[in-house]
Protein backbone atom coordinates (compact mmCIF):
# COMPACT_ATOMS: atom_id res chain seq x y z
CA MET A 1 143.08 84.07 84.57
CA THR A 2 140.07 86.33 83.51
CA ASN A 3 138.46 88.91 85.51
CA ASN A 4 134.55 88.28 85.30
CA HIS A 5 133.63 91.76 86.84
CA ASP A 6 134.70 93.72 83.60
CA ASP A 7 132.68 91.79 81.14
CA ARG A 8 129.30 92.84 82.53
CA ASP A 9 126.89 94.10 79.96
CA PRO A 10 126.05 97.79 80.64
CA LYS A 11 122.68 97.36 79.00
CA LYS A 12 121.48 95.04 81.86
CA GLY A 13 121.51 97.68 84.37
CA ASN A 14 123.91 98.49 87.50
CA GLY A 15 123.90 94.86 88.37
CA PHE A 16 121.68 95.08 91.24
CA GLY A 17 118.27 94.80 89.47
CA ASP A 18 116.52 97.58 91.43
CA HIS A 19 116.46 100.15 88.59
CA ASP A 20 112.69 99.98 88.26
CA LEU A 21 111.67 99.61 92.09
CA VAL A 22 109.72 102.85 92.03
CA PRO A 23 107.50 102.18 89.22
CA ASP A 24 106.95 98.51 90.56
CA ALA A 25 106.13 100.13 94.14
CA THR A 26 103.71 102.74 92.46
CA ALA A 27 101.90 99.93 90.59
CA GLU A 28 101.64 97.77 93.54
CA ILE A 29 100.25 100.60 95.82
CA LYS A 30 97.68 101.63 93.17
CA GLY A 31 96.61 98.01 92.74
CA MET A 32 96.27 97.79 96.64
CA ALA A 33 94.39 100.95 96.67
CA LYS A 34 91.99 99.81 93.97
CA GLU A 35 91.36 96.38 95.19
CA GLY A 36 91.68 96.72 99.02
CA LEU A 37 91.83 93.44 100.90
CA ASP A 38 91.43 91.29 97.86
CA HIS A 39 94.98 92.44 96.60
CA PRO A 40 97.55 89.55 97.38
CA SER A 41 99.92 92.29 98.91
CA THR A 42 97.42 94.09 101.12
CA LYS A 43 97.64 91.83 104.00
CA PRO A 44 101.35 91.15 104.37
CA VAL A 45 101.77 95.00 104.17
CA LEU A 46 99.18 95.52 106.92
CA THR A 47 100.72 92.79 108.93
CA GLY A 48 104.25 94.52 108.58
CA ALA A 49 102.69 97.81 109.57
CA ALA A 50 101.18 96.16 112.68
CA VAL A 51 104.34 94.65 113.56
CA GLY A 52 106.53 97.71 113.13
CA ALA A 53 103.99 99.75 115.28
CA ILE A 54 104.04 97.24 118.12
CA ALA A 55 108.08 97.16 117.97
CA GLY A 56 108.03 101.14 117.79
CA GLY A 57 105.87 101.26 120.93
CA ILE A 58 108.31 98.81 122.67
CA LEU A 59 111.60 100.27 121.80
CA PRO A 60 112.48 103.45 123.35
CA VAL A 61 114.26 105.22 120.43
CA VAL A 62 111.35 104.62 117.75
CA THR A 63 107.99 106.00 117.76
CA TRP A 64 105.03 103.89 116.81
CA PRO A 65 104.22 105.91 113.71
CA LEU A 66 107.94 105.60 112.49
CA GLY A 67 107.64 101.73 113.22
CA LEU A 68 104.37 101.52 111.27
CA VAL A 69 105.91 103.17 108.16
CA ALA A 70 109.16 101.23 108.43
CA GLY A 71 107.40 98.03 108.72
CA ALA A 72 104.86 98.59 105.85
CA GLY A 73 107.63 99.76 103.81
CA PHE A 74 109.89 96.53 104.50
CA MET A 75 107.06 94.39 103.64
CA LEU A 76 106.17 96.07 100.47
CA TYR A 77 109.97 95.89 99.39
CA LYS A 78 109.91 92.11 100.33
CA ARG A 79 106.90 91.71 98.13
CA LEU A 80 108.31 93.46 95.32
CA ARG A 81 111.92 91.87 95.67
CA PRO A 82 111.66 88.51 97.43
C-alpha cells in the first residue's frame, strides 16, 4: 500500500495552483482598464458588483459598498480560476 500524498513534486507548487493569482489578477485588471467594455471580463465583473451591491442593500449586516467589492472580487476570481 503506497501513500500518494508523499510523492508530490515540490517544484509544482503547493498543490492548490493559486501561487500566481495576484499577477494574473493584476494583468486582468489592467486589461479591463485599457479595453473597457470590450474586454471579456468587464461585463461579468460589473454584473457581480451589481449583484453584490443589491445583496448588500438587502442584507442588514452588509453595506452596499462592501457587497459591491465582494461581488466584483468574487466574479474576478471566478474569471481567473473557473
